[in-house]
Amino acid sequence: MTLTKGDLSQIDRRLETQKEEILDEMDEKLTMLRSNLFEKIDPILKEVTTAREERTLVENRLEKLEEIHPQGQHAPSI
């Protein structure tokens, strides 16, 4: 049995349709994966941001305490 141009054209259309279906399925799975990844990373990033802000506050407080208490002691009264 010999394949005609019509047969080859029909095979090509079916392959193209399957390729599009596979690409759509892969896109959907990647979108879900990306969404799940961001859902898990988001709380971690919020904690990192909060920790950075808190570190700045603690550093400022330590600098002020060091001014009040040089060398770990109260400044002598004059």
Protein backbone atom coordinates (compact mmCIF):
# COMPACT_ATOMS: atom_id res chain seq x y z
CA MET A 1 0.00 0.00 0.00
CA THR A 2 1.37 3.38 -1.00
CA LEU A 3 0.78 6.59 0.90
CA THR A 4 -0.70 9.42 -1.08
CA LYS A 5 -0.14 13.13 -0.58
CA GLY A 6 -3.57 13.24 1.07
CA ASP A 7 -2.52 10.50 3.51
CA LEU A 8 0.71 12.32 4.32
CA SER A 9 -1.18 15.58 4.78
CA GLN A 10 -3.66 13.89 7.15
CA ILE A 11 -0.78 12.33 9.15
CA ASP A 12 0.91 15.73 9.35
CA ARG A 13 -2.31 17.37 10.65
CA ARG A 14 -2.75 14.68 13.31
CA LEU A 15 0.85 15.03 14.42
CA GLU A 16 0.48 18.80 14.61
CA THR A 17 -2.70 18.44 16.67
CA GLN A 18 -0.99 16.00 19.05
CA LYS A 19 1.98 18.32 19.35
CA GLU A 20 -0.29 21.24 20.27
CA GLU A 21 -2.14 19.12 22.84
CA ILE A 22 1.14 18.02 24.41
CA LEU A 23 2.43 21.61 24.53
CA ASP A 24 -0.84 22.83 26.09
CA GLU A 25 -0.66 20.07 28.71
CA MET A 26 2.97 20.88 29.49
CA ASP A 27 2.15 24.59 29.77
CA GLU A 28 -0.68 23.84 32.19
CA LYS A 29 1.56 21.63 34.35
CA LEU A 30 4.37 24.20 34.37
CA THR A 31 1.91 26.93 35.37
CA MET A 32 0.70 24.81 38.29
CA LEU A 33 4.28 24.02 39.30
CA ARG A 34 5.25 27.69 39.19
CA SER A 35 2.18 28.63 41.22
CA ASN A 36 2.95 25.99 43.86
CA LEU A 37 6.57 27.10 44.00
CA PHE A 38 5.62 30.75 44.54
CA GLU A 39 3.11 29.77 47.22
CA LYS A 40 5.88 28.00 49.12
CA ILE A 41 8.54 30.66 48.58
CA ASP A 42 6.33 33.65 49.42
CA PRO A 43 6.19 33.06 53.21
CA ILE A 44 9.95 32.49 53.31
CA LEU A 45 10.63 35.74 51.48
CA LYS A 46 8.32 37.58 53.87
CA GLU A 47 10.28 36.18 56.82
CA VAL A 48 13.58 37.25 55.24
CA THR A 49 12.25 40.77 54.67
CA THR A 50 10.96 40.97 58.24
CA ALA A 51 14.29 39.70 59.60
CA ARG A 52 16.19 42.36 57.64
CA GLU A 53 13.93 45.09 58.98
CA GLU A 54 14.28 43.78 62.54
CA ARG A 55 18.06 43.56 62.18
CA THR A 56 18.19 47.25 61.26
CA LEU A 57 16.10 48.13 64.32
CA VAL A 58 18.31 46.01 66.59
CA GLU A 59 21.49 47.54 65.14
CA ASN A 60 20.14 51.05 65.77
CA ARG A 61 19.18 50.14 69.33
CA LEU A 62 22.62 48.65 69.99
CA GLU A 63 24.34 51.78 68.68
CA LYS A 64 22.24 53.94 71.02
CA LEU A 65 22.95 51.63 73.96
CA GLU A 66 26.67 51.75 73.19
CA GLU A 67 26.50 55.55 73.28
CA ILE A 68 24.76 55.44 76.68
CA HIS A 69 26.94 52.63 78.04
CA PRO A 70 30.45 52.92 76.58
CA GLN A 71 32.51 49.80 77.24
CA GLY A 72 29.44 48.08 78.68
CA GLN A 73 29.09 50.49 81.63
CA HIS A 74 27.23 53.68 82.34
CA ALA A 75 29.16 56.82 81.47
CA PRO A 76 30.55 58.41 84.59
CA SER A 77 28.59 61.41 85.90
CA ILE A 78 30.43 64.68 85.97
